[in-house]
Structure formats: C-alpha cells, structure tokens
Protein backbone atom coordinates (compact mmCIF):
# COMPACT_ATOMS: atom_id res chain seq x y z
CA MET A 1 150.50 -94.23 74.31
CA GLU A 2 154.10 -95.23 74.93
CA GLU A 3 154.99 -91.58 75.43
CA ALA A 4 152.12 -91.24 77.90
CA VAL A 5 152.88 -94.25 80.10
CA ARG A 6 156.68 -94.26 80.16
CA GLY A 7 157.77 -93.66 83.75
CA VAL A 8 154.19 -93.73 85.08
CA ALA A 9 153.29 -95.88 88.08
CA ILE A 10 149.49 -96.05 87.76
CA VAL A 11 147.40 -95.62 84.62
CA TYR A 12 143.71 -94.69 84.87
CA HIS A 13 142.11 -95.37 81.50
CA LEU A 14 138.77 -93.56 81.19
CA ALA A 15 138.82 -92.26 77.60
CA ALA A 16 135.93 -93.37 75.38
CA VAL A 17 133.54 -92.29 72.66
CA PHE A 18 130.18 -91.86 74.39
CA ARG A 19 126.74 -90.62 73.24
CA ARG A 20 127.88 -89.84 69.70
CA THR A 21 125.45 -91.78 67.56
CA SER A 22 126.20 -89.73 64.42
CA LEU A 23 129.72 -91.17 64.13
CA PRO A 24 130.46 -94.11 61.84
CA ALA A 25 130.38 -97.41 63.73
CA ARG A 26 134.11 -97.91 63.19
CA VAL A 27 134.97 -94.87 65.35
CA PRO A 28 133.80 -96.21 68.74
CA TRP A 29 135.43 -99.54 67.89
CA GLU A 30 138.72 -97.80 67.06
CA VAL A 31 138.65 -95.66 70.21
CA ASN A 32 136.95 -97.81 72.81
CA VAL A 33 138.35 -101.20 71.79
CA GLU A 34 141.59 -100.69 69.88
CA GLY A 35 142.43 -97.61 71.94
CA THR A 36 142.15 -99.70 75.09
CA ARG A 37 144.37 -102.38 73.56
CA ASN A 38 146.98 -99.71 72.78
CA VAL A 39 146.93 -98.36 76.33
CA LEU A 40 147.28 -101.82 77.85
CA ALA A 41 150.07 -102.87 75.47
CA ALA A 42 152.05 -99.74 76.27
CA ALA A 43 151.48 -100.21 80.00
CA ARG A 44 152.72 -103.78 79.80
CA LYS A 45 155.79 -102.77 77.78
CA TYR A 46 156.82 -100.16 80.33
CA ARG A 47 155.88 -102.31 83.32
CA VAL A 48 153.51 -99.91 85.02
CA GLU A 49 152.55 -100.94 88.53
CA ARG A 50 148.81 -100.96 87.87
CA VAL A 51 146.16 -100.10 85.28
CA VAL A 52 142.67 -99.11 86.39
CA HIS A 53 140.44 -99.71 83.39
CA CYS A 54 137.13 -97.85 83.44
CA SER A 55 134.37 -99.96 81.93
CA THR A 56 130.66 -99.34 82.58
CA VAL A 57 127.69 -101.07 84.18
CA GLY A 58 126.29 -100.78 80.65
CA VAL A 59 128.07 -104.04 79.80
CA HIS A 60 125.20 -105.72 81.69
CA GLY A 61 122.58 -103.99 79.53
CA ALA A 62 119.05 -103.88 80.90
CA ILE A 63 118.80 -105.52 84.33
CA GLU A 64 115.99 -108.06 84.47
CA HIS A 65 116.31 -108.90 88.18
CA PRO A 66 117.75 -105.87 89.99
CA PRO A 67 120.08 -105.29 91.66
CA ALA A 68 122.86 -106.82 89.56
CA ASP A 69 126.35 -107.50 90.87
CA GLU A 70 129.68 -108.11 89.13
CA THR A 71 128.71 -111.69 88.25
CA ALA A 72 125.71 -110.64 86.13
CA PRO A 73 126.05 -111.75 82.49
CA TYR A 74 127.20 -109.49 79.70
CA ARG A 75 124.16 -108.18 77.80
CA PRO A 76 125.27 -105.04 75.95
CA GLY A 77 122.42 -103.40 74.08
CA ASP A 78 123.96 -100.68 71.91
CA ILE A 79 127.25 -99.89 70.20
CA TYR A 80 128.68 -98.03 73.20
CA GLN A 81 127.92 -100.93 75.51
CA ARG A 82 129.18 -103.49 72.98
CA THR A 83 132.50 -101.70 72.48
CA LYS A 84 132.98 -101.19 76.21
CA CYS A 85 132.18 -104.86 76.77
CA GLU A 86 134.81 -105.93 74.25
CA ALA A 87 137.33 -103.50 75.76
CA GLU A 88 136.69 -104.96 79.22
CA LYS A 89 137.29 -108.48 77.92
CA ILE A 90 140.61 -107.34 76.44
CA ALA A 91 141.57 -105.76 79.76
CA ARG A 92 140.70 -108.95 81.62
CA ARG A 93 142.95 -110.96 79.28
CA PHE A 94 145.86 -108.57 79.89
CA PHE A 95 145.32 -108.80 83.65
CA THR A 96 144.82 -112.56 83.90
CA GLN A 97 146.94 -113.96 81.06
CA GLU A 98 149.63 -111.45 80.19
CA GLY A 99 150.94 -110.43 83.59
CA LEU A 100 149.75 -106.82 83.61
CA PRO A 101 148.55 -105.78 87.10
CA GLY A 102 145.13 -104.21 86.80
CA VAL A 103 141.59 -103.59 87.97
CA VAL A 104 138.29 -103.21 86.10
CA VAL A 105 135.85 -100.56 87.32
CA ARG A 106 132.20 -100.39 86.25
CA PRO A 107 130.66 -97.03 87.24
CA ALA A 108 126.93 -96.37 87.18
CA GLY A 109 125.12 -93.14 86.22
CA LEU A 110 127.77 -90.48 86.88
CA TYR A 111 126.56 -86.98 87.72
CA GLY A 112 127.63 -83.83 89.54
CA PRO A 113 129.28 -80.43 88.98
CA GLY A 114 131.32 -80.42 85.78
CA ASP A 115 129.02 -82.77 83.88
CA THR A 116 126.14 -81.86 81.56
CA ARG A 117 124.63 -85.31 81.13
CA PHE A 118 121.44 -84.35 83.00
CA LEU A 119 121.35 -80.67 82.08
CA LYS A 120 118.49 -81.15 79.61
CA LEU A 121 116.47 -83.01 82.23
CA TYR A 122 117.03 -80.23 84.80
CA ARG A 123 116.01 -77.60 82.24
CA LEU A 124 112.83 -79.43 81.27
CA ILE A 125 111.84 -79.80 84.91
CA TYR A 126 112.67 -76.16 85.69
CA HIS A 127 110.57 -74.87 82.78
CA ARG A 128 107.74 -77.30 83.69
CA ARG A 129 107.98 -79.07 80.33
CA PHE A 130 109.01 -82.49 81.59
CA VAL A 131 106.68 -85.43 81.05
CA MET A 132 107.43 -88.90 82.38
CA PHE A 133 107.27 -91.64 79.77
CA GLY A 134 106.15 -94.95 81.17
CA SER A 135 105.37 -95.54 84.84
CA GLY A 136 108.50 -93.85 86.22
CA GLU A 137 108.97 -96.82 88.52
CA VAL A 138 112.01 -98.24 86.72
CA LEU A 139 115.14 -98.14 88.85
CA TYR A 140 118.16 -96.00 88.06
CA HIS A 141 121.45 -95.98 89.95
CA LEU A 142 123.39 -92.72 90.18
CA THR A 143 126.99 -92.14 91.27
CA TYR A 144 128.05 -88.72 92.49
CA ILE A 145 131.36 -87.69 91.00
CA ASP A 146 133.23 -87.37 94.33
CA ASP A 147 132.20 -90.90 95.31
CA PHE A 148 133.33 -92.24 91.95
CA ILE A 149 136.74 -90.58 92.28
CA GLU A 150 137.13 -92.00 95.77
CA GLY A 151 136.33 -95.46 94.39
CA LEU A 152 138.82 -95.01 91.54
CA MET A 153 141.55 -94.10 94.01
CA LEU A 154 140.78 -97.19 96.09
CA CYS A 155 141.06 -99.34 92.97
CA GLY A 156 144.36 -97.69 92.16
CA THR A 157 145.92 -98.10 95.60
CA ARG A 158 144.42 -100.98 97.55
CA PRO A 159 146.36 -104.27 97.20
CA GLU A 160 143.08 -106.19 97.49
CA ALA A 161 141.80 -104.61 94.29
CA LEU A 162 144.38 -106.15 91.95
CA GLY A 163 142.80 -108.55 89.50
CA GLY A 164 139.29 -107.61 90.57
CA THR A 165 136.22 -106.13 88.94
CA TYR A 166 134.14 -103.63 90.91
CA ILE A 167 130.84 -101.85 90.42
CA LEU A 168 130.97 -98.29 91.77
CA ALA A 169 127.62 -96.63 92.40
CA GLY A 170 125.76 -94.55 94.95
CA GLU A 171 124.26 -95.75 98.20
CA ARG A 172 121.07 -96.99 96.54
CA ALA A 173 119.12 -97.03 93.31
CA VAL A 174 116.06 -94.81 93.01
CA THR A 175 112.99 -94.79 90.80
CA LEU A 176 112.84 -92.24 88.03
CA ASN A 177 109.88 -90.69 89.81
CA GLU A 178 112.00 -90.13 92.91
CA PHE A 179 114.89 -88.75 90.85
CA VAL A 180 112.62 -86.24 89.10
CA ARG A 181 110.95 -85.18 92.36
CA THR A 182 114.37 -84.59 93.92
CA ILE A 183 115.45 -82.39 91.02
CA ALA A 184 112.21 -80.38 91.24
CA ARG A 185 112.77 -79.76 94.95
CA ALA A 186 116.37 -78.67 94.32
CA LEU A 187 115.18 -76.20 91.67
CA GLY A 188 112.27 -74.95 93.76
CA VAL A 189 109.62 -75.74 91.15
CA PRO A 190 106.37 -77.74 91.32
CA LEU A 191 106.63 -81.49 90.94
CA PRO A 192 106.06 -82.66 87.33
CA GLU A 193 102.79 -84.44 86.72
CA GLY A 194 101.50 -86.68 83.96
CA HIS A 195 102.72 -89.79 82.16
CA LEU A 196 102.79 -90.79 78.50
CA PRO A 197 103.38 -94.22 76.91
CA VAL A 198 107.02 -94.89 76.13
CA ALA A 199 106.63 -97.02 72.97
CA PRO A 200 105.90 -94.10 70.57
CA LEU A 201 108.94 -92.26 71.92
CA TRP A 202 111.15 -95.29 71.27
CA LEU A 203 109.88 -95.50 67.69
CA ALA A 204 110.55 -91.79 67.22
CA GLY A 205 114.11 -92.33 68.44
CA ALA A 206 114.64 -95.15 65.96
CA LEU A 207 113.29 -92.95 63.15
CA CYS A 208 115.58 -90.05 64.12
CA GLU A 209 118.60 -92.36 64.06
CA ALA A 210 117.62 -93.80 60.67
CA VAL A 211 117.29 -90.33 59.14
CA CYS A 212 120.23 -88.56 60.79
CA ARG A 213 122.95 -91.20 60.80
CA PRO A 214 123.40 -91.44 56.98
CA LEU A 215 123.68 -87.63 56.92
CA GLY A 216 126.34 -87.56 59.63
CA LEU A 217 124.02 -85.61 61.96
CA GLU A 218 123.57 -86.13 65.69
CA PRO A 219 119.94 -87.25 66.19
CA PRO A 220 117.83 -84.99 68.42
CA LEU A 221 116.48 -88.20 69.97
CA HIS A 222 117.87 -91.72 69.98
CA ARG A 223 116.89 -95.05 71.46
CA ARG A 224 119.67 -95.10 74.03
CA ARG A 225 118.16 -91.99 75.61
CA VAL A 226 114.65 -93.45 75.50
CA ASN A 227 115.86 -96.56 77.29
CA PHE A 228 116.34 -94.33 80.33
CA PHE A 229 112.56 -94.69 80.77
CA ARG A 230 112.42 -98.41 79.94
CA HIS A 231 115.23 -100.38 81.57
CA HIS A 232 116.14 -101.07 85.18
CA ARG A 233 119.71 -100.02 86.05
CA ALA A 234 120.17 -100.97 89.71
CA PHE A 235 123.34 -102.50 91.15
CA ASP A 236 124.82 -104.14 94.22
CA ILE A 237 128.00 -102.44 95.51
CA SER A 238 128.64 -104.82 98.39
CA LYS A 239 131.81 -106.28 96.81
CA ALA A 240 133.45 -102.83 96.60
CA ARG A 241 132.31 -102.12 100.16
CA ARG A 242 133.65 -105.40 101.49
CA GLU A 243 136.97 -105.63 99.66
CA LEU A 244 137.92 -101.97 99.19
CA GLY A 245 136.15 -100.12 101.96
CA TYR A 246 134.19 -98.17 99.34
CA ALA A 247 131.57 -96.01 101.07
CA PRO A 248 129.61 -93.51 98.94
CA ALA A 249 129.11 -90.40 101.05
CA THR A 250 126.83 -88.18 98.93
CA ASP A 251 123.11 -88.89 99.12
CA LEU A 252 120.82 -88.14 96.19
CA GLU A 253 119.34 -84.97 97.71
CA THR A 254 122.77 -83.45 98.31
CA GLY A 255 124.20 -84.49 94.95
CA VAL A 256 121.22 -83.20 92.98
CA ARG A 257 121.30 -79.89 94.88
CA LYS A 258 125.03 -79.41 94.22
CA THR A 259 124.54 -80.21 90.54
CA ALA A 260 121.69 -77.70 90.29
CA ALA A 261 123.84 -75.04 91.96
CA TRP A 262 126.64 -75.62 89.45
CA TYR A 263 124.25 -75.41 86.49
CA ARG A 264 123.04 -72.09 87.86
CA GLU A 265 126.60 -70.83 88.30
CA GLN A 266 127.18 -71.53 84.61
CA GLY A 267 124.04 -69.56 83.72
CA TRP A 268 122.31 -72.58 82.20
CA ILE A 269 119.37 -72.45 84.62
CA PRO A 270 117.97 -69.17 86.04
C-alpha cells in the first residue's frame, strides 16, 4: 500500500471481497477491514490530500421505513455488510481523529455496461423463465455507473465533501416489478407474469450455503440473493444533491437499455 500511495494526491479505495460466500469468513475480514486499515495508514503516512472510501448502503441492512438517509442506523445483515460496516467505522476514525482528510461514499445498486451483476436476471427474463418471488412491490434503488463515477469525482474534488458521508444513488427507487418490466421492454420480450412465495426460496438458499460452504464451493443460491425479493433498499440522496451538486442523469429506462445493449455486444444475450 505504501508503494501505491506514495506521491499520490487522491486515493479512491473501492477494493473489496463481494458475493463470494464460499470463502472462509476470515478472507472478507482480512480484505475489507484490515485491507482498508492498511490503505488508510499508508495514506496518512504519506500525507495524501484526500481519501475517498467506498462503503455501501448495505451497512444499513434492510430498510424498514424507506427512504433511508445517511443518518439511518447501522444494521448490517450478512458478512459483506458487516465487514464493510466495520471498515467504514475505521475510515471515520481516521478522518475524524487521526487527521487524515477523507470522505465516505455509500453507493446503491450499481449497474451498467461492464458489470455482470444483473446478467442472470436479464437472461431469465429474455428466455421467459423469470418468476417473481413475493409481491414484487419491495423497493430497490439502482445507480447507473456513469452517475456513480460522477459522484465519486465530486467527493474527491469538492471542498464541501471533506469529512462527510454521502449516499450515491439514482434519481429514485423503483419496485422490483417496475425494474423487471423495464428490462423486458429493453429486451423486446413479453412481460413476466406470475408470483411465488419467497419463504421456500430463502430456505433453499440457506440449505445451499450449509452444504456448499464446508466444501469450499460457491452456492448456486444464497440468502443474500434471495433478500433481493424481501428487503426494501430505497435511499434519500438529498444530502449529496445539496452539498455536492450531485445530479444523477441516467434514468432507469436508459440505463437498462444501455446495459442490455452491452450484454448483447458480449454475446451473452441473443
């Protein structure tokens, strides 16, 4: 880390172990928590001008009363969220108690060309195999990649950002039903129909984790993925708007269409 930050003005720390449930629990702690501590210690030693630490809205866990803002309590629900929560606390201590200039960023639901997070969902919808679990009325907040990068740059350059914590997300949260309908339109396929109860799927995810984790295998289904259908994830971005001039420019329809086009360019969807 010292090699990496020596002579650098601004450090953007985004590295993390994410969606790797087959790994031993110590690995995300070593990378997400101790790795963050190493980055911050090196940045302090070489007196960088600013560190932008990328956390996640996942530190808030499931949102009981959406939308949540930066003052919502910590409620991490899985090992990724717990390790990112601890890393954020370490970053805050460096920024408030140890003299390191910095900013904490909490992005929501990143998507767009270059990312495969939603590829499986697009494929299921395209092949007319998608079924909604639960009502589909839970809220999910997406952030198109270009908007996230613009927000990162604001956090790295605006004087007002120093010492702050900012949620970066899209213009508005949407229901899962709306998200799925938008993908179907972008792919030119009929809208998915039908709903199934979510509880059996959650139990199946827990069973897959219990069987696969001792064998060092990545589960085909895990509870974190099932929680996509269960938990509200909607956020208030007014602080970033007010203090940084953050203004997400890509609406859901446009972002989903661009993502679909990129998947097709890669040959992943016909």
